[in-house]
Amino acid sequence: MSIFQHVLYIWCVYSTCLECKNIEHLTNYVN
């Protein structure tokens, strides 16, 4: 795996985690 692919992979995982936290926050707010 190249360094670029590695950074891209980490960024994707990190952004997904942020989206999951936002979704949890929104669902908690709705409930």
N, C-alpha and C. Protein backbone atom coordinates (compact mmCIF):
# COMPACT_ATOMS: atom_id res chain seq x y z
N MET A 1 0.85 -1.21 0.00
CA MET A 1 0.00 0.00 0.00
C MET A 1 0.88 1.25 0.00
N SER A 2 0.57 2.18 -0.87
CA SER A 2 1.36 3.40 -0.93
C SER A 2 0.97 4.35 0.21
N ILE A 3 1.80 5.32 0.44
CA ILE A 3 1.53 6.29 1.51
C ILE A 3 0.23 7.04 1.22
N PHE A 4 0.02 7.38 -0.04
CA PHE A 4 -1.19 8.10 -0.42
C PHE A 4 -2.42 7.27 -0.11
N GLN A 5 -2.40 5.99 -0.47
CA GLN A 5 -3.53 5.10 -0.19
C GLN A 5 -3.74 4.96 1.31
N HIS A 6 -2.66 4.91 2.05
CA HIS A 6 -2.75 4.76 3.50
C HIS A 6 -3.42 5.98 4.12
N VAL A 7 -3.01 7.16 3.69
CA VAL A 7 -3.61 8.41 4.20
C VAL A 7 -5.07 8.49 3.80
N LEU A 8 -5.36 8.11 2.57
CA LEU A 8 -6.75 8.14 2.09
C LEU A 8 -7.62 7.19 2.91
N TYR A 9 -7.08 6.02 3.22
CA TYR A 9 -7.81 5.04 4.02
C TYR A 9 -8.10 5.58 5.41
N ILE A 10 -7.08 6.17 6.04
CA ILE A 10 -7.26 6.73 7.38
C ILE A 10 -8.29 7.86 7.35
N TRP A 11 -8.22 8.70 6.31
CA TRP A 11 -9.15 9.82 6.19
C TRP A 11 -10.58 9.31 6.04
N CYS A 12 -10.75 8.25 5.24
CA CYS A 12 -12.09 7.67 5.05
C CYS A 12 -12.64 7.12 6.36
N VAL A 13 -11.81 6.40 7.10
CA VAL A 13 -12.25 5.84 8.38
C VAL A 13 -12.59 6.97 9.34
N TYR A 14 -11.73 7.99 9.39
CA TYR A 14 -11.95 9.11 10.31
C TYR A 14 -13.23 9.86 9.96
N SER A 15 -13.44 10.13 8.68
CA SER A 15 -14.65 10.86 8.27
C SER A 15 -15.90 10.02 8.55
N THR A 16 -15.79 8.71 8.38
CA THR A 16 -16.92 7.83 8.66
C THR A 16 -17.25 7.88 10.16
N CYS A 17 -16.22 7.90 10.99
CA CYS A 17 -16.44 7.98 12.44
C CYS A 17 -17.15 9.29 12.78
N LEU A 18 -16.73 10.37 12.16
CA LEU A 18 -17.37 11.66 12.43
C LEU A 18 -18.83 11.63 12.00
N GLU A 19 -19.10 11.03 10.86
CA GLU A 19 -20.48 10.93 10.39
C GLU A 19 -21.32 10.10 11.35
N CYS A 20 -20.74 9.02 11.85
CA CYS A 20 -21.47 8.16 12.79
C CYS A 20 -21.79 8.94 14.07
N LYS A 21 -20.85 9.72 14.56
CA LYS A 21 -21.08 10.52 15.77
C LYS A 21 -22.16 11.56 15.52
N ASN A 22 -22.13 12.16 14.34
CA ASN A 22 -23.15 13.16 14.01
C ASN A 22 -24.52 12.51 13.92
N ILE A 23 -24.59 11.33 13.34
CA ILE A 23 -25.88 10.63 13.22
C ILE A 23 -26.40 10.27 14.61
N GLU A 24 -25.52 9.80 15.48
CA GLU A 24 -25.93 9.46 16.85
C GLU A 24 -26.43 10.71 17.57
N HIS A 25 -25.74 11.82 17.37
CA HIS A 25 -26.14 13.07 18.01
C HIS A 25 -27.51 13.51 17.50
N LEU A 26 -27.73 13.40 16.20
CA LEU A 26 -29.02 13.79 15.63
C LEU A 26 -30.15 12.89 16.14
N THR A 27 -29.90 11.60 16.21
CA THR A 27 -30.95 10.69 16.68
C THR A 27 -31.25 10.95 18.15
N ASN A 28 -30.23 11.28 18.93
CA ASN A 28 -30.46 11.59 20.34
C ASN A 28 -31.27 12.88 20.46
N TYR A 29 -30.96 13.84 19.58
CA TYR A 29 -31.68 15.12 19.61
C TYR A 29 -33.15 14.91 19.24
N VAL A 30 -33.41 14.07 18.25
CA VAL A 30 -34.78 13.80 17.82
C VAL A 30 -35.54 13.08 18.93
N ASN A 31 -34.89 12.12 19.55
CA ASN A 31 -35.54 11.36 20.61
C ASN A 31 -35.65 12.24 21.85
